[in-house]
């Protein structure tokens, strides 16, 4: 079952490329109603990935 069907907030964060140059990312999912927490977590993860 996809996340959209269960109506949970989710976000995909680009993480870079692999050895072959293919892009990959990280998807994080939060509990229903935790949209702000999800966005804050995504922002923190992106900050760590930039370093």
PDB file of N, CA and C in Angstrom:
ATOM      1  N   UNK A   1       0.847  -1.171   0.000  1.00  0.00           N
ATOM      2  CA  UNK A   1       0.000   0.000   0.000  1.00  0.00           C
ATOM      3  C   UNK A   1       0.898   1.241   0.000  1.00  0.00           C
ATOM      4  N   UNK A   2       0.583   2.176  -0.849  1.00  0.00           N
ATOM      5  CA  UNK A   2       1.401   3.375  -0.917  1.00  0.00           C
ATOM      6  C   UNK A   2       1.072   4.332   0.222  1.00  0.00           C
ATOM      7  N   UNK A   3       2.013   5.194   0.488  1.00  0.00           N
ATOM      8  CA  UNK A   3       1.854   6.158   1.574  1.00  0.00           C
ATOM      9  C   UNK A   3       0.677   7.092   1.304  1.00  0.00           C
ATOM     10  N   UNK A   4       0.452   7.452   0.065  1.00  0.00           N
ATOM     11  CA  UNK A   4      -0.677   8.340  -0.258  1.00  0.00           C
ATOM     12  C   UNK A   4      -2.015   7.702   0.106  1.00  0.00           C
ATOM     13  N   UNK A   5      -2.115   6.413  -0.062  1.00  0.00           N
ATOM     14  CA  UNK A   5      -3.384   5.747   0.253  1.00  0.00           C
ATOM     15  C   UNK A   5      -3.681   5.750   1.744  1.00  0.00           C
ATOM     16  N   UNK A   6      -2.647   5.702   2.568  1.00  0.00           N
ATOM     17  CA  UNK A   6      -2.876   5.724   4.016  1.00  0.00           C
ATOM     18  C   UNK A   6      -2.806   7.141   4.571  1.00  0.00           C
ATOM     19  N   UNK A   7      -2.577   8.106   3.694  1.00  0.00           N
ATOM     20  CA  UNK A   7      -2.620   9.537   4.012  1.00  0.00           C
ATOM     21  C   UNK A   7      -1.615   9.954   5.083  1.00  0.00           C
ATOM     22  N   UNK A   8      -0.392   9.460   4.950  1.00  0.00           N
ATOM     23  CA  UNK A   8       0.683   9.878   5.841  1.00  0.00           C
ATOM     24  C   UNK A   8       1.557  10.880   5.115  1.00  0.00           C
ATOM     25  N   UNK A   9       2.062  11.894   5.830  1.00  0.00           N
ATOM     26  CA  UNK A   9       2.969  12.845   5.178  1.00  0.00           C
ATOM     27  C   UNK A   9       4.314  12.189   4.909  1.00  0.00           C
ATOM     28  N   UNK A  10       4.861  12.445   3.731  1.00  0.00           N
ATOM     29  CA  UNK A  10       6.148  11.876   3.344  1.00  0.00           C
ATOM     30  C   UNK A  10       6.901  12.890   2.497  1.00  0.00           C
ATOM     31  N   UNK A  11       8.212  12.762   2.496  1.00  0.00           N
ATOM     32  CA  UNK A  11       9.046  13.653   1.691  1.00  0.00           C
ATOM     33  C   UNK A  11      10.243  12.860   1.189  1.00  0.00           C
ATOM     34  N   UNK A  12      10.685  13.194   0.009  1.00  0.00           N
ATOM     35  CA  UNK A  12      11.857  12.572  -0.587  1.00  0.00           C
ATOM     36  C   UNK A  12      12.983  13.601  -0.629  1.00  0.00           C
ATOM     37  N   UNK A  13      14.156  13.190  -0.167  1.00  0.00           N
ATOM     38  CA  UNK A  13      15.304  14.087  -0.099  1.00  0.00           C
ATOM     39  C   UNK A  13      16.381  13.568  -1.052  1.00  0.00           C
ATOM     40  N   UNK A  14      16.802  14.356  -2.046  1.00  0.00           N
ATOM     41  CA  UNK A  14      17.878  13.922  -2.923  1.00  0.00           C
ATOM     42  C   UNK A  14      19.176  13.787  -2.118  1.00  0.00           C
ATOM     43  N   UNK A  15      19.904  12.694  -2.350  1.00  0.00           N
ATOM     44  CA  UNK A  15      21.125  12.440  -1.575  1.00  0.00           C
ATOM     45  C   UNK A  15      22.394  12.475  -2.418  1.00  0.00           C
ATOM     46  N   UNK A  16      22.268  12.491  -3.712  1.00  0.00           N
ATOM     47  CA  UNK A  16      23.454  12.514  -4.562  1.00  0.00           C
ATOM     48  C   UNK A  16      23.358  11.482  -5.668  1.00  0.00           C
ATOM     49  N   UNK A  17      24.506  11.025  -6.110  1.00  0.00           N
ATOM     50  CA  UNK A  17      24.561  10.025  -7.177  1.00  0.00           C
ATOM     51  C   UNK A  17      25.467   8.875  -6.753  1.00  0.00           C
ATOM     52  N   UNK A  18      25.218   7.717  -7.336  1.00  0.00           N
ATOM     53  CA  UNK A  18      26.056   6.555  -7.045  1.00  0.00           C
ATOM     54  C   UNK A  18      27.269   6.526  -7.974  1.00  0.00           C
ATOM     55  N   UNK A  19      28.051   5.454  -7.924  1.00  0.00           N
ATOM     56  CA  UNK A  19      29.272   5.351  -8.743  1.00  0.00           C
ATOM     57  C   UNK A  19      28.990   5.406 -10.234  1.00  0.00           C
ATOM     58  N   UNK A  20      27.785   5.016 -10.623  1.00  0.00           N
ATOM     59  CA  UNK A  20      27.417   5.026 -12.044  1.00  0.00           C
ATOM     60  C   UNK A  20      26.780   6.354 -12.457  1.00  0.00           C
ATOM     61  N   UNK A  21      26.669   7.273 -11.536  1.00  0.00           N
ATOM     62  CA  UNK A  21      26.073   8.568 -11.840  1.00  0.00           C
ATOM     63  C   UNK A  21      24.565   8.607 -11.718  1.00  0.00           C
ATOM     64  N   UNK A  22      23.971   7.535 -11.200  1.00  0.00           N
ATOM     65  CA  UNK A  22      22.517   7.496 -11.051  1.00  0.00           C
ATOM     66  C   UNK A  22      22.104   8.186  -9.744  1.00  0.00           C
ATOM     67  N   UNK A  23      21.059   8.996  -9.800  1.00  0.00           N
ATOM     68  CA  UNK A  23      20.622   9.702  -8.590  1.00  0.00           C
ATOM     69  C   UNK A  23      19.931   8.750  -7.610  1.00  0.00           C
ATOM     70  N   UNK A  24      20.074   9.054  -6.335  1.00  0.00           N
ATOM     71  CA  UNK A  24      19.336   8.308  -5.319  1.00  0.00           C
ATOM     72  C   UNK A  24      18.887   9.272  -4.232  1.00  0.00           C
ATOM     73  N   UNK A  25      17.909   8.836  -3.461  1.00  0.00           N
ATOM     74  CA  UNK A  25      17.371   9.709  -2.434  1.00  0.00           C
ATOM     75  C   UNK A  25      16.907   8.929  -1.222  1.00  0.00           C
ATOM     76  N   UNK A  26      16.417   9.672  -0.264  1.00  0.00           N
ATOM     77  CA  UNK A  26      15.926   9.114   0.989  1.00  0.00           C
ATOM     78  C   UNK A  26      14.488   9.580   1.155  1.00  0.00           C
ATOM     79  N   UNK A  27      13.593   8.660   1.451  1.00  0.00           N
ATOM     80  CA  UNK A  27      12.214   9.039   1.713  1.00  0.00           C
ATOM     81  C   UNK A  27      11.944   8.857   3.198  1.00  0.00           C
ATOM     82  N   UNK A  28      11.400   9.897   3.823  1.00  0.00           N
ATOM     83  CA  UNK A  28      11.022   9.776   5.227  1.00  0.00           C
ATOM     84  C   UNK A  28       9.519   9.994   5.345  1.00  0.00           C
ATOM     85  N   UNK A  29       8.943   9.310   6.312  1.00  0.00           N
ATOM     86  CA  UNK A  29       7.497   9.301   6.496  1.00  0.00           C
ATOM     87  C   UNK A  29       7.213   9.626   7.956  1.00  0.00           C
ATOM     88  N   UNK A  30       6.197  10.416   8.191  1.00  0.00           N
ATOM     89  CA  UNK A  30       5.816  10.784   9.555  1.00  0.00           C
ATOM     90  C   UNK A  30       4.400  10.302   9.856  1.00  0.00           C
ATOM     91  N   UNK A  31       4.056  10.395  11.100  1.00  0.00           N
ATOM     92  CA  UNK A  31       2.701  10.052  11.521  1.00  0.00           C
ATOM     93  C   UNK A  31       1.718  11.110  11.002  1.00  0.00           C
ATOM     94  N   UNK A  32       0.495  10.718  10.880  1.00  0.00           N
ATOM     95  CA  UNK A  32      -0.551  11.634  10.425  1.00  0.00           C
ATOM     96  C   UNK A  32      -0.585  12.868  11.319  1.00  0.00           C
ATOM     97  N   UNK A  33      -0.625  14.041  10.704  1.00  0.00           N
ATOM     98  CA  UNK A  33      -0.685  15.287  11.447  1.00  0.00           C
ATOM     99  C   UNK A  33       0.670  15.841  11.859  1.00  0.00           C
ATOM    100  N   UNK A  34       1.743  15.152  11.511  1.00  0.00           N
ATOM    101  CA  UNK A  34       3.081  15.579  11.912  1.00  0.00           C
ATOM    102  C   UNK A  34       3.853  16.202  10.744  1.00  0.00           C
ATOM    103  N   UNK A  35       3.148  16.944   9.911  1.00  0.00           N
ATOM    104  CA  UNK A  35       3.760  17.560   8.731  1.00  0.00           C
ATOM    105  C   UNK A  35       4.922  18.487   9.097  1.00  0.00           C
ATOM    106  N   UNK A  36       4.717  19.316  10.089  1.00  0.00           N
ATOM    107  CA  UNK A  36       5.767  20.261  10.488  1.00  0.00           C
ATOM    108  C   UNK A  36       7.007  19.509  10.984  1.00  0.00           C
ATOM    109  N   UNK A  37       6.801  18.483  11.790  1.00  0.00           N
ATOM    110  CA  UNK A  37       7.918  17.673  12.291  1.00  0.00           C
ATOM    111  C   UNK A  37       8.669  17.030  11.132  1.00  0.00           C
ATOM    112  N   UNK A  38       7.929  16.544  10.152  1.00  0.00           N
ATOM    113  CA  UNK A  38       8.540  15.929   8.974  1.00  0.00           C
ATOM    114  C   UNK A  38       9.407  16.933   8.224  1.00  0.00           C
ATOM    115  N   UNK A  39       8.889  18.134   7.998  1.00  0.00           N
ATOM    116  CA  UNK A  39       9.657  19.151   7.282  1.00  0.00           C
ATOM    117  C   UNK A  39      10.892  19.583   8.066  1.00  0.00           C
ATOM    118  N   UNK A  40      10.762  19.679   9.373  1.00  0.00           N
ATOM    119  CA  UNK A  40      11.913  20.041  10.205  1.00  0.00           C
ATOM    120  C   UNK A  40      12.979  18.947  10.155  1.00  0.00           C
ATOM    121  N   UNK A  41      12.555  17.692  10.208  1.00  0.00           N
ATOM    122  CA  UNK A  41      13.502  16.575  10.120  1.00  0.00           C
ATOM    123  C   UNK A  41      14.193  16.565   8.760  1.00  0.00           C
ATOM    124  N   UNK A  42      13.437  16.804   7.698  1.00  0.00           N
ATOM    125  CA  UNK A  42      14.014  16.842   6.357  1.00  0.00           C
ATOM    126  C   UNK A  42      15.053  17.953   6.245  1.00  0.00           C
ATOM    127  N   UNK A  43      14.766  19.084   6.842  1.00  0.00           N
ATOM    128  CA  UNK A  43      15.712  20.202   6.812  1.00  0.00           C
ATOM    129  C   UNK A  43      17.001  19.837   7.548  1.00  0.00           C
ATOM    130  N   UNK A  44      16.886  19.172   8.677  1.00  0.00           N
ATOM    131  CA  UNK A  44      18.068  18.753   9.424  1.00  0.00           C
ATOM    132  C   UNK A  44      18.884  17.721   8.638  1.00  0.00           C
ATOM    133  N   UNK A  45      18.206  16.784   8.009  1.00  0.00           N
ATOM    134  CA  UNK A  45      18.904  15.760   7.219  1.00  0.00           C
ATOM    135  C   UNK A  45      19.632  16.409   6.050  1.00  0.00           C
ATOM    136  N   UNK A  46      18.973  17.337   5.366  1.00  0.00           N
ATOM    137  CA  UNK A  46      19.624  18.022   4.249  1.00  0.00           C
ATOM    138  C   UNK A  46      20.870  18.788   4.711  1.00  0.00           C
ATOM    139  N   UNK A  47      20.800  19.393   5.891  1.00  0.00           N
ATOM    140  CA  UNK A  47      21.953  20.129   6.421  1.00  0.00           C
ATOM    141  C   UNK A  47      23.121  19.183   6.673  1.00  0.00           C
ATOM    142  N   UNK A  48      22.842  17.995   7.196  1.00  0.00           N
ATOM    143  CA  UNK A  48      23.897  17.013   7.444  1.00  0.00           C
ATOM    144  C   UNK A  48      24.480  16.511   6.126  1.00  0.00           C
ATOM    145  N   UNK A  49      23.630  16.277   5.137  1.00  0.00           N
ATOM    146  CA  UNK A  49      24.101  15.760   3.847  1.00  0.00           C
ATOM    147  C   UNK A  49      24.956  16.762   3.096  1.00  0.00           C
ATOM    148  N   UNK A  50      24.755  18.044   3.352  1.00  0.00           N
ATOM    149  CA  UNK A  50      25.542  19.085   2.669  1.00  0.00           C
ATOM    150  C   UNK A  50      26.964  19.163   3.180  1.00  0.00           C
ATOM    151  N   UNK A  51      27.199  18.655   4.400  1.00  0.00           N
ATOM    152  CA  UNK A  51      28.543  18.757   4.991  1.00  0.00           C
ATOM    153  C   UNK A  51      29.449  17.651   4.544  1.00  0.00           C
TER     154      UNK A  51
END
